[in-house]
Amino acid sequence: ASPLVTLDKVNKWFGDLQALVDVDLTVDRGEVLVVVGPSGSG
């Protein structure tokens, strides 16, 4: 039940490019989370 990883409102900039925008995410213990998306999506 308790997440192993928690991201709360995470932001990351590379100069003028914002690579991560208010990312909220949890990963549970024993979970496999696959992150997909177009190239350059962060």
PDB file of all heavy atoms in Angstrom:
ATOM      1  N   ALA A   1       0.811  -1.222   0.000  1.00  0.00           N
ATOM      2  CA  ALA A   1       0.000   0.000   0.000  1.00  0.00           C
ATOM      3  C   ALA A   1       0.845   1.273   0.000  1.00  0.00           C
ATOM      4  O   ALA A   1       0.479   2.256  -0.627  1.00  0.00           O
ATOM      5  CB  ALA A   1      -0.926  -0.013   1.200  1.00  0.00           C
ATOM      6  N   SER A   2       1.956   1.295   0.722  1.00  0.00           N
ATOM      7  CA  SER A   2       2.721   2.541   0.854  1.00  0.00           C
ATOM      8  C   SER A   2       3.693   2.700  -0.319  1.00  0.00           C
ATOM      9  O   SER A   2       4.454   1.782  -0.624  1.00  0.00           O
ATOM     10  CB  SER A   2       3.502   2.549   2.170  1.00  0.00           C
ATOM     11  OG  SER A   2       4.397   1.463   2.209  1.00  0.00           O
ATOM     12  N   PRO A   3       3.681   3.859  -0.989  1.00  0.00           N
ATOM     13  CA  PRO A   3       4.579   4.047  -2.135  1.00  0.00           C
ATOM     14  C   PRO A   3       6.046   3.993  -1.721  1.00  0.00           C
ATOM     15  O   PRO A   3       6.417   4.454  -0.634  1.00  0.00           O
ATOM     16  CB  PRO A   3       4.214   5.444  -2.645  1.00  0.00           C
ATOM     17  CG  PRO A   3       2.863   5.742  -2.086  1.00  0.00           C
ATOM     18  CD  PRO A   3       2.809   5.023  -0.780  1.00  0.00           C
ATOM     19  N   LEU A   4       6.867   3.437  -2.576  1.00  0.00           N
ATOM     20  CA  LEU A   4       8.312   3.468  -2.356  1.00  0.00           C
ATOM     21  C   LEU A   4       8.888   4.796  -2.835  1.00  0.00           C
ATOM     22  O   LEU A   4       9.818   5.337  -2.242  1.00  0.00           O
ATOM     23  CB  LEU A   4       8.990   2.307  -3.091  1.00  0.00           C
ATOM     24  CG  LEU A   4      10.500   2.220  -2.952  1.00  0.00           C
ATOM     25  CD1 LEU A   4      10.892   1.872  -1.518  1.00  0.00           C
ATOM     26  CD2 LEU A   4      11.083   1.184  -3.904  1.00  0.00           C
ATOM     27  N   VAL A   5       8.328   5.321  -3.912  1.00  0.00           N
ATOM     28  CA  VAL A   5       8.813   6.570  -4.512  1.00  0.00           C
ATOM     29  C   VAL A   5       7.635   7.533  -4.647  1.00  0.00           C
ATOM     30  O   VAL A   5       6.558   7.143  -5.109  1.00  0.00           O
ATOM     31  CB  VAL A   5       9.418   6.326  -5.908  1.00  0.00           C
ATOM     32  CG1 VAL A   5       9.988   7.637  -6.483  1.00  0.00           C
ATOM     33  CG2 VAL A   5      10.499   5.260  -5.856  1.00  0.00           C
ATOM     34  N   THR A   6       7.853   8.784  -4.247  1.00  0.00           N
ATOM     35  CA  THR A   6       6.839   9.820  -4.415  1.00  0.00           C
ATOM     36  C   THR A   6       7.490  11.070  -4.999  1.00  0.00           C
ATOM     37  O   THR A   6       8.472  11.576  -4.450  1.00  0.00           O
ATOM     38  CB  THR A   6       6.179  10.183  -3.071  1.00  0.00           C
ATOM     39  OG1 THR A   6       5.584   9.014  -2.496  1.00  0.00           O
ATOM     40  CG2 THR A   6       5.109  11.245  -3.260  1.00  0.00           C
ATOM     41  N   LEU A   7       6.965  11.524  -6.121  1.00  0.00           N
ATOM     42  CA  LEU A   7       7.371  12.800  -6.707  1.00  0.00           C
ATOM     43  C   LEU A   7       6.225  13.779  -6.512  1.00  0.00           C
ATOM     44  O   LEU A   7       5.074  13.470  -6.849  1.00  0.00           O
ATOM     45  CB  LEU A   7       7.674  12.666  -8.200  1.00  0.00           C
ATOM     46  CG  LEU A   7       8.968  11.942  -8.589  1.00  0.00           C
ATOM     47  CD1 LEU A   7       8.791  10.434  -8.525  1.00  0.00           C
ATOM     48  CD2 LEU A   7       9.430  12.358  -9.980  1.00  0.00           C
ATOM     49  N   ASP A   8       6.549  14.961  -5.956  1.00  0.00           N
ATOM     50  CA  ASP A   8       5.523  15.952  -5.644  1.00  0.00           C
ATOM     51  C   ASP A   8       5.906  17.286  -6.280  1.00  0.00           C
ATOM     52  O   ASP A   8       6.903  17.900  -5.907  1.00  0.00           O
ATOM     53  CB  ASP A   8       5.398  16.100  -4.124  1.00  0.00           C
ATOM     54  CG  ASP A   8       4.291  17.062  -3.713  1.00  0.00           C
ATOM     55  OD1 ASP A   8       3.321  17.217  -4.460  1.00  0.00           O
ATOM     56  OD2 ASP A   8       4.425  17.669  -2.631  1.00  0.00           O
ATOM     57  N   LYS A   9       5.123  17.694  -7.298  1.00  0.00           N
ATOM     58  CA  LYS A   9       5.301  18.994  -7.974  1.00  0.00           C
ATOM     59  C   LYS A   9       6.753  19.208  -8.412  1.00  0.00           C
ATOM     60  O   LYS A   9       7.353  20.264  -8.151  1.00  0.00           O
ATOM     61  CB  LYS A   9       4.865  20.132  -7.045  1.00  0.00           C
ATOM     62  CG  LYS A   9       3.377  20.105  -6.690  1.00  0.00           C
ATOM     63  CD  LYS A   9       2.520  20.473  -7.897  1.00  0.00           C
ATOM     64  CE  LYS A   9       1.037  20.554  -7.559  1.00  0.00           C
ATOM     65  NZ  LYS A   9       0.458  19.221  -7.237  1.00  0.00           N
ATOM     66  N   VAL A  10       7.311  18.222  -9.096  1.00  0.00           N
ATOM     67  CA  VAL A  10       8.715  18.280  -9.519  1.00  0.00           C
ATOM     68  C   VAL A  10       8.838  19.072 -10.823  1.00  0.00           C
ATOM     69  O   VAL A  10       8.141  18.787 -11.812  1.00  0.00           O
ATOM     70  CB  VAL A  10       9.295  16.861  -9.686  1.00  0.00           C
ATOM     71  CG1 VAL A  10      10.661  16.915 -10.353  1.00  0.00           C
ATOM     72  CG2 VAL A  10       9.389  16.177  -8.323  1.00  0.00           C
ATOM     73  N   ASN A  11       9.725  20.044 -10.809  1.00  0.00           N
ATOM     74  CA  ASN A  11      10.003  20.855 -11.995  1.00  0.00           C
ATOM     75  C   ASN A  11      11.497  20.840 -12.296  1.00  0.00           C
ATOM     76  O   ASN A  11      12.324  20.830 -11.389  1.00  0.00           O
ATOM     77  CB  ASN A  11       9.549  22.304 -11.784  1.00  0.00           C
ATOM     78  CG  ASN A  11       8.040  22.438 -11.752  1.00  0.00           C
ATOM     79  OD1 ASN A  11       7.398  22.511 -12.789  1.00  0.00           O
ATOM     80  ND2 ASN A  11       7.469  22.457 -10.548  1.00  0.00           N
ATOM     81  N   LYS A  12      11.816  20.840 -13.583  1.00  0.00           N
ATOM     82  CA  LYS A  12      13.213  20.839 -14.024  1.00  0.00           C
ATOM     83  C   LYS A  12      13.336  21.685 -15.290  1.00  0.00           C
ATOM     84  O   LYS A  12      12.564  21.500 -16.243  1.00  0.00           O
ATOM     85  CB  LYS A  12      13.676  19.399 -14.307  1.00  0.00           C
ATOM     86  CG  LYS A  12      15.034  19.283 -15.006  1.00  0.00           C
ATOM     87  CD  LYS A  12      16.174  19.755 -14.130  1.00  0.00           C
ATOM     88  CE  LYS A  12      17.512  19.627 -14.868  1.00  0.00           C
ATOM     89  NZ  LYS A  12      18.629  20.118 -14.030  1.00  0.00           N
ATOM     90  N   TRP A  13      14.286  22.591 -15.284  1.00  0.00           N
ATOM     91  CA  TRP A  13      14.539  23.446 -16.438  1.00  0.00           C
ATOM     92  C   TRP A  13      15.933  23.163 -16.998  1.00  0.00           C
ATOM     93  O   TRP A  13      16.874  22.908 -16.250  1.00  0.00           O
ATOM     94  CB  TRP A  13      14.476  24.920 -16.040  1.00  0.00           C
ATOM     95  CG  TRP A  13      13.126  25.397 -15.619  1.00  0.00           C
ATOM     96  CD1 TRP A  13      12.549  25.251 -14.384  1.00  0.00           C
ATOM     97  CD2 TRP A  13      12.179  26.108 -16.415  1.00  0.00           C
ATOM     98  NE1 TRP A  13      11.306  25.821 -14.364  1.00  0.00           N
ATOM     99  CE2 TRP A  13      11.048  26.362 -15.596  1.00  0.00           C
ATOM    100  CE3 TRP A  13      12.180  26.565 -17.745  1.00  0.00           C
ATOM    101  CZ2 TRP A  13       9.934  27.049 -16.069  1.00  0.00           C
ATOM    102  CZ3 TRP A  13      11.075  27.252 -18.202  1.00  0.00           C
ATOM    103  CH2 TRP A  13       9.957  27.481 -17.391  1.00  0.00           C
ATOM    104  N   PHE A  14      16.057  23.231 -18.310  1.00  0.00           N
ATOM    105  CA  PHE A  14      17.350  23.302 -18.989  1.00  0.00           C
ATOM    106  C   PHE A  14      17.353  24.630 -19.740  1.00  0.00           C
ATOM    107  O   PHE A  14      16.820  24.731 -20.846  1.00  0.00           O
ATOM    108  CB  PHE A  14      17.540  22.140 -19.963  1.00  0.00           C
ATOM    109  CG  PHE A  14      17.663  20.790 -19.318  1.00  0.00           C
ATOM    110  CD1 PHE A  14      16.627  19.876 -19.376  1.00  0.00           C
ATOM    111  CD2 PHE A  14      18.828  20.430 -18.653  1.00  0.00           C
ATOM    112  CE1 PHE A  14      16.739  18.637 -18.788  1.00  0.00           C
ATOM    113  CE2 PHE A  14      18.951  19.184 -18.054  1.00  0.00           C
ATOM    114  CZ  PHE A  14      17.903  18.280 -18.121  1.00  0.00           C
ATOM    115  N   GLY A  15      17.905  25.665 -19.112  1.00  0.00           N
ATOM    116  CA  GLY A  15      17.830  26.987 -19.727  1.00  0.00           C
ATOM    117  C   GLY A  15      16.380  27.434 -19.832  1.00  0.00           C
ATOM    118  O   GLY A  15      15.653  27.487 -18.832  1.00  0.00           O
ATOM    119  N   ASP A  16      15.941  27.735 -21.048  1.00  0.00           N
ATOM    120  CA  ASP A  16      14.559  28.177 -21.267  1.00  0.00           C
ATOM    121  C   ASP A  16      13.591  27.016 -21.457  1.00  0.00           C
ATOM    122  O   ASP A  16      12.375  27.235 -21.560  1.00  0.00           O
ATOM    123  CB  ASP A  16      14.479  29.093 -22.504  1.00  0.00           C
ATOM    124  CG  ASP A  16      15.231  30.407 -22.295  1.00  0.00           C
ATOM    125  OD1 ASP A  16      15.336  30.837 -21.130  1.00  0.00           O
ATOM    126  OD2 ASP A  16      15.718  30.976 -23.290  1.00  0.00           O
ATOM    127  N   LEU A  17      14.115  25.802 -21.535  1.00  0.00           N
ATOM    128  CA  LEU A  17      13.260  24.628 -21.762  1.00  0.00           C
ATOM    129  C   LEU A  17      12.870  23.998 -20.431  1.00  0.00           C
ATOM    130  O   LEU A  17      13.734  23.630 -19.631  1.00  0.00           O
ATOM    131  CB  LEU A  17      13.995  23.592 -22.619  1.00  0.00           C
ATOM    132  CG  LEU A  17      13.291  22.234 -22.766  1.00  0.00           C
ATOM    133  CD1 LEU A  17      12.019  22.381 -23.600  1.00  0.00           C
ATOM    134  CD2 LEU A  17      14.234  21.205 -23.388  1.00  0.00           C
ATOM    135  N   GLN A  18      11.575  23.868 -20.202  1.00  0.00           N
ATOM    136  CA  GLN A  18      11.110  23.175 -19.005  1.00  0.00           C
ATOM    137  C   GLN A  18      10.915  21.707 -19.343  1.00  0.00           C
ATOM    138  O   GLN A  18      10.002  21.338 -20.067  1.00  0.00           O
ATOM    139  CB  GLN A  18       9.820  23.786 -18.457  1.00  0.00           C
ATOM    140  CG  GLN A  18       9.466  23.220 -17.086  1.00  0.00           C
ATOM    141  CD  GLN A  18       8.374  23.978 -16.373  1.00  0.00           C
ATOM    142  OE1 GLN A  18       7.785  24.898 -16.934  1.00  0.00           O
ATOM    143  NE2 GLN A  18       8.088  23.598 -15.130  1.00  0.00           N
ATOM    144  N   ALA A  19      11.801  20.860 -18.788  1.00  0.00           N
ATOM    145  CA  ALA A  19      11.795  19.431 -19.116  1.00  0.00           C
ATOM    146  C   ALA A  19      10.808  18.647 -18.274  1.00  0.00           C
ATOM    147  O   ALA A  19      10.281  17.624 -18.720  1.00  0.00           O
ATOM    148  CB  ALA A  19      13.199  18.851 -18.942  1.00  0.00           C
ATOM    149  N   LEU A  20      10.558  19.093 -17.036  1.00  0.00           N
ATOM    150  CA  LEU A  20       9.565  18.464 -16.156  1.00  0.00           C
ATOM    151  C   LEU A  20       8.656  19.560 -15.625  1.00  0.00           C
ATOM    152  O   LEU A  20       9.138  20.581 -15.105  1.00  0.00           O
ATOM    153  CB  LEU A  20      10.229  17.728 -14.988  1.00  0.00           C
ATOM    154  CG  LEU A  20      11.163  16.559 -15.345  1.00  0.00           C
ATOM    155  CD1 LEU A  20      11.808  15.999 -14.076  1.00  0.00           C
ATOM    156  CD2 LEU A  20      10.420  15.464 -16.093  1.00  0.00           C
ATOM    157  N   VAL A  21       7.339  19.344 -15.748  1.00  0.00           N
ATOM    158  CA  VAL A  21       6.358  20.371 -15.394  1.00  0.00           C
ATOM    159  C   VAL A  21       5.408  19.819 -14.320  1.00  0.00           C
ATOM    160  O   VAL A  21       4.553  18.978 -14.608  1.00  0.00           O
ATOM    161  CB  VAL A  21       5.546  20.819 -16.631  1.00  0.00           C
ATOM    162  CG1 VAL A  21       4.576  21.937 -16.249  1.00  0.00           C
ATOM    163  CG2 VAL A  21       6.468  21.258 -17.765  1.00  0.00           C
ATOM    164  N   ASP A  22       5.611  20.267 -13.086  1.00  0.00           N
ATOM    165  CA  ASP A  22       4.710  19.905 -11.974  1.00  0.00           C
ATOM    166  C   ASP A  22       4.390  18.411 -11.950  1.00  0.00           C
ATOM    167  O   ASP A  22       3.226  18.004 -11.895  1.00  0.00           O
ATOM    168  CB  ASP A  22       3.407  20.704 -12.051  1.00  0.00           C
ATOM    169  CG  ASP A  22       3.595  22.152 -11.628  1.00  0.00           C
ATOM    170  OD1 ASP A  22       4.533  22.428 -10.859  1.00  0.00           O
ATOM    171  OD2 ASP A  22       2.805  23.008 -12.078  1.00  0.00           O
ATOM    172  N   VAL A  23       5.430  17.589 -11.982  1.00  0.00           N
ATOM    173  CA  VAL A  23       5.230  16.139 -12.041  1.00  0.00           C
ATOM    174  C   VAL A  23       4.848  15.596 -10.669  1.00  0.00           C
ATOM    175  O   VAL A  23       5.589  15.746  -9.697  1.00  0.00           O
ATOM    176  CB  VAL A  23       6.497  15.432 -12.573  1.00  0.00           C
ATOM    177  CG1 VAL A  23       6.369  13.920 -12.415  1.00  0.00           C
ATOM    178  CG2 VAL A  23       6.742  15.797 -14.027  1.00  0.00           C
ATOM    179  N   ASP A  24       3.686  14.973 -10.606  1.00  0.00           N
ATOM    180  CA  ASP A  24       3.241  14.226  -9.428  1.00  0.00           C
ATOM    181  C   ASP A  24       3.161  12.757  -9.830  1.00  0.00           C
ATOM    182  O   ASP A  24       2.501  12.420 -10.814  1.00  0.00           O
ATOM    183  CB  ASP A  24       1.851  14.690  -8.967  1.00  0.00           C
ATOM    184  CG  ASP A  24       1.862  16.087  -8.390  1.00  0.00           C
ATOM    185  OD1 ASP A  24       2.881  16.479  -7.799  1.00  0.00           O
ATOM    186  OD2 ASP A  24       0.845  16.795  -8.530  1.00  0.00           O
ATOM    187  N   LEU A  25       3.818  11.900  -9.066  1.00  0.00           N
ATOM    188  CA  LEU A  25       3.855  10.483  -9.434  1.00  0.00           C
ATOM    189  C   LEU A  25       4.224   9.656  -8.211  1.00  0.00           C
ATOM    190  O   LEU A  25       5.030  10.090  -7.383  1.00  0.00           O
ATOM    191  CB  LEU A  25       4.893  10.261 -10.547  1.00  0.00           C
ATOM    192  CG  LEU A  25       4.916   8.916 -11.254  1.00  0.00           C
ATOM    193  CD1 LEU A  25       3.632   8.677 -12.037  1.00  0.00           C
ATOM    194  CD2 LEU A  25       6.121   8.835 -12.188  1.00  0.00           C
ATOM    195  N   THR A  26       3.639   8.477  -8.089  1.00  0.00           N
ATOM    196  CA  THR A  26       4.053   7.528  -7.058  1.00  0.00           C
ATOM    197  C   THR A  26       4.394   6.201  -7.713  1.00  0.00           C
ATOM    198  O   THR A  26       3.869   5.859  -8.780  1.00  0.00           O
ATOM    199  CB  THR A  26       2.945   7.295  -6.012  1.00  0.00           C
ATOM    200  OG1 THR A  26       1.790   6.757  -6.666  1.00  0.00           O
ATOM    201  CG2 THR A  26       2.590   8.572  -5.276  1.00  0.00           C
ATOM    202  N   VAL A  27       5.296   5.470  -7.069  1.00  0.00           N
ATOM    203  CA  VAL A  27       5.647   4.114  -7.487  1.00  0.00           C
ATOM    204  C   VAL A  27       5.540   3.229  -6.252  1.00  0.00           C
ATOM    205  O   VAL A  27       6.239   3.457  -5.255  1.00  0.00           O
ATOM    206  CB  VAL A  27       7.077   4.031  -8.069  1.00  0.00           C
ATOM    207  CG1 VAL A  27       7.347   2.623  -8.576  1.00  0.00           C
ATOM    208  CG2 VAL A  27       7.286   5.067  -9.170  1.00  0.00           C
ATOM    209  N   ASP A  28       4.666   2.247  -6.307  1.00  0.00           N
ATOM    210  CA  ASP A  28       4.470   1.364  -5.163  1.00  0.00           C
ATOM    211  C   ASP A  28       5.588   0.334  -5.067  1.00  0.00           C
ATOM    212  O   ASP A  28       6.258   0.018  -6.066  1.00  0.00           O
ATOM    213  CB  ASP A  28       3.133   0.627  -5.282  1.00  0.00           C
ATOM    214  CG  ASP A  28       1.945   1.550  -5.096  1.00  0.00           C
ATOM    215  OD1 ASP A  28       2.113   2.603  -4.453  1.00  0.00           O
ATOM    216  OD2 ASP A  28       0.855   1.221  -5.603  1.00  0.00           O
ATOM    217  N   ARG A  29       5.770  -0.211  -3.876  1.00  0.00           N
ATOM    218  CA  ARG A  29       6.727  -1.297  -3.692  1.00  0.00           C
ATOM    219  C   ARG A  29       6.259  -2.500  -4.510  1.00  0.00           C
ATOM    220  O   ARG A  29       5.100  -2.889  -4.451  1.00  0.00           O
ATOM    221  CB  ARG A  29       6.819  -1.684  -2.216  1.00  0.00           C
ATOM    222  CG  ARG A  29       7.292  -0.558  -1.332  1.00  0.00           C
ATOM    223  CD  ARG A  29       7.099  -0.876   0.150  1.00  0.00           C
ATOM    224  NE  ARG A  29       7.122   0.362   0.931  1.00  0.00           N
ATOM    225  CZ  ARG A  29       8.242   0.937   1.359  1.00  0.00           C
ATOM    226  NH1 ARG A  29       9.408   0.359   1.117  1.00  0.00           N
ATOM    227  NH2 ARG A  29       8.200   2.073   2.034  1.00  0.00           N
ATOM    228  N   GLY A  30       7.176  -3.077  -5.271  1.00  0.00           N
ATOM    229  CA  GLY A  30       6.837  -4.226  -6.085  1.00  0.00           C
ATOM    230  C   GLY A  30       6.189  -3.885  -7.411  1.00  0.00           C
ATOM    231  O   GLY A  30       5.858  -4.774  -8.189  1.00  0.00           O
ATOM    232  N   GLU A  31       6.033  -2.602  -7.685  1.00  0.00           N
ATOM    233  CA  GLU A  31       5.361  -2.182  -8.922  1.00  0.00           C
ATOM    234  C   GLU A  31       6.354  -2.028 -10.064  1.00  0.00           C
ATOM    235  O   GLU A  31       7.508  -1.637  -9.866  1.00  0.00           O
ATOM    236  CB  GLU A  31       4.641  -0.846  -8.703  1.00  0.00           C
ATOM    237  CG  GLU A  31       3.998  -0.311  -9.977  1.00  0.00           C
ATOM    238  CD  GLU A  31       3.187   0.959  -9.764  1.00  0.00           C
ATOM    239  OE1 GLU A  31       3.472   1.699  -8.801  1.00  0.00           O
ATOM    240  OE2 GLU A  31       2.271   1.198 -10.556  1.00  0.00           O
ATOM    241  N   VAL A  32       5.889  -2.313 -11.277  1.00  0.00           N
ATOM    242  CA  VAL A  32       6.631  -1.969 -12.486  1.00  0.00           C
ATOM    243  C   VAL A  32       5.864  -0.843 -13.167  1.00  0.00           C
ATOM    244  O   VAL A  32       4.721  -1.021 -13.606  1.00  0.00           O
ATOM    245  CB  VAL A  32       6.767  -3.176 -13.438  1.00  0.00           C
ATOM    246  CG1 VAL A  32       7.514  -2.767 -14.703  1.00  0.00           C
ATOM    247  CG2 VAL A  32       7.489  -4.324 -12.737  1.00  0.00           C
ATOM    248  N   LEU A  33       6.491   0.326 -13.220  1.00  0.00           N
ATOM    249  CA  LEU A  33       5.917   1.482 -13.901  1.00  0.00           C
ATOM    250  C   LEU A  33       6.722   1.712 -15.172  1.00  0.00           C
ATOM    251  O   LEU A  33       7.937   1.919 -15.114  1.00  0.00           O
ATOM    252  CB  LEU A  33       5.986   2.723 -13.006  1.00  0.00           C
ATOM    253  CG  LEU A  33       5.459   4.009 -13.641  1.00  0.00           C
ATOM    254  CD1 LEU A  33       3.929   4.019 -13.647  1.00  0.00           C
ATOM    255  CD2 LEU A  33       5.990   5.244 -12.914  1.00  0.00           C
ATOM    256  N   VAL A  34       6.061   1.657 -16.318  1.00  0.00           N
ATOM    257  CA  VAL A  34       6.728   1.915 -17.597  1.00  0.00           C
ATOM    258  C   VAL A  34       6.331   3.305 -18.074  1.00  0.00           C
ATOM    259  O   VAL A  34       5.140   3.632 -18.152  1.00  0.00           O
ATOM    260  CB  VAL A  34       6.370   0.852 -18.649  1.00  0.00           C
ATOM    261  CG1 VAL A  34       7.048   1.167 -19.975  1.00  0.00           C
ATOM    262  CG2 VAL A  34       6.804  -0.536 -18.174  1.00  0.00           C
ATOM    263  N   VAL A  35       7.341   4.129 -18.356  1.00  0.00           N
ATOM    264  CA  VAL A  35       7.120   5.510 -18.792  1.00  0.00           C
ATOM    265  C   VAL A  35       7.300   5.571 -20.302  1.00  0.00           C
ATOM    266  O   VAL A  35       8.366   5.205 -20.826  1.00  0.00           O
ATOM    267  CB  VAL A  35       8.094   6.473 -18.093  1.00  0.00           C
ATOM    268  CG1 VAL A  35       7.789   7.920 -18.468  1.00  0.00           C
ATOM    269  CG2 VAL A  35       8.036   6.292 -16.571  1.00  0.00           C
ATOM    270  N   VAL A  36       6.267   6.016 -21.007  1.00  0.00           N
ATOM    271  CA  VAL A  36       6.300   6.092 -22.466  1.00  0.00           C
ATOM    272  C   VAL A  36       5.950   7.507 -22.892  1.00  0.00           C
ATOM    273  O   VAL A  36       5.421   8.306 -22.113  1.00  0.00           O
ATOM    274  CB  VAL A  36       5.332   5.077 -23.120  1.00  0.00           C
ATOM    275  CG1 VAL A  36       5.647   3.659 -22.671  1.00  0.00           C
ATOM    276  CG2 VAL A  36       3.872   5.422 -22.816  1.00  0.00           C
ATOM    277  N   GLY A  37       6.217   7.796 -24.165  1.00  0.00           N
ATOM    278  CA  GLY A  37       5.899   9.104 -24.712  1.00  0.00           C
ATOM    279  C   GLY A  37       6.832   9.434 -25.848  1.00  0.00           C
ATOM    280  O   GLY A  37       7.817   8.724 -26.100  1.00  0.00           O
ATOM    281  N   PRO A  38       6.546  10.506 -26.572  1.00  0.00           N
ATOM    282  CA  PRO A  38       7.388  10.878 -27.713  1.00  0.00           C
ATOM    283  C   PRO A  38       8.780  11.305 -27.276  1.00  0.00           C
ATOM    284  O   PRO A  38       9.009  11.631 -26.099  1.00  0.00           O
ATOM    285  CB  PRO A  38       6.625  12.045 -28.355  1.00  0.00           C
ATOM    286  CG  PRO A  38       5.770  12.595 -27.260  1.00  0.00           C
ATOM    287  CD  PRO A  38       5.413  11.432 -26.388  1.00  0.00           C
ATOM    288  N   SER A  39       9.715  11.314 -28.206  1.00  0.00           N
ATOM    289  CA  SER A  39      11.069  11.797 -27.920  1.00  0.00           C
ATOM    290  C   SER A  39      11.006  13.240 -27.444  1.00  0.00           C
ATOM    291  O   SER A  39      10.233  14.048 -27.969  1.00  0.00           O
ATOM    292  CB  SER A  39      11.944  11.704 -29.173  1.00  0.00           C
ATOM    293  OG  SER A  39      12.107  10.360 -29.560  1.00  0.00           O
ATOM    294  N   GLY A  40      11.805  13.545 -26.425  1.00  0.00           N
ATOM    295  CA  GLY A  40      11.836  14.903 -25.904  1.00  0.00           C
ATOM    296  C   GLY A  40      10.720  15.232 -24.943  1.00  0.00           C
ATOM    297  O   GLY A  40      10.549  16.395 -24.554  1.00  0.00           O
ATOM    298  N   SER A  41       9.987  14.211 -24.495  1.00  0.00           N
ATOM    299  CA  SER A  41       8.843  14.474 -23.609  1.00  0.00           C
ATOM    300  C   SER A  41       9.239  14.562 -22.138  1.00  0.00           C
ATOM    301  O   SER A  41       8.406  14.897 -21.298  1.00  0.00           O
ATOM    302  CB  SER A  41       7.767  13.401 -23.795  1.00  0.00           C
ATOM    303  OG  SER A  41       8.286  12.113 -23.500  1.00  0.00           O
ATOM    304  N   GLY A  42      10.492  14.240 -21.815  1.00  0.00           N
ATOM    305  CA  GLY A  42      10.964  14.331 -20.429  1.00  0.00           C
ATOM    306  C   GLY A  42      11.130  13.006 -19.731  1.00  0.00           C
ATOM    307  O   GLY A  42      11.430  12.958 -18.530  1.00  0.00           O
TER     308      GLY A  42
END
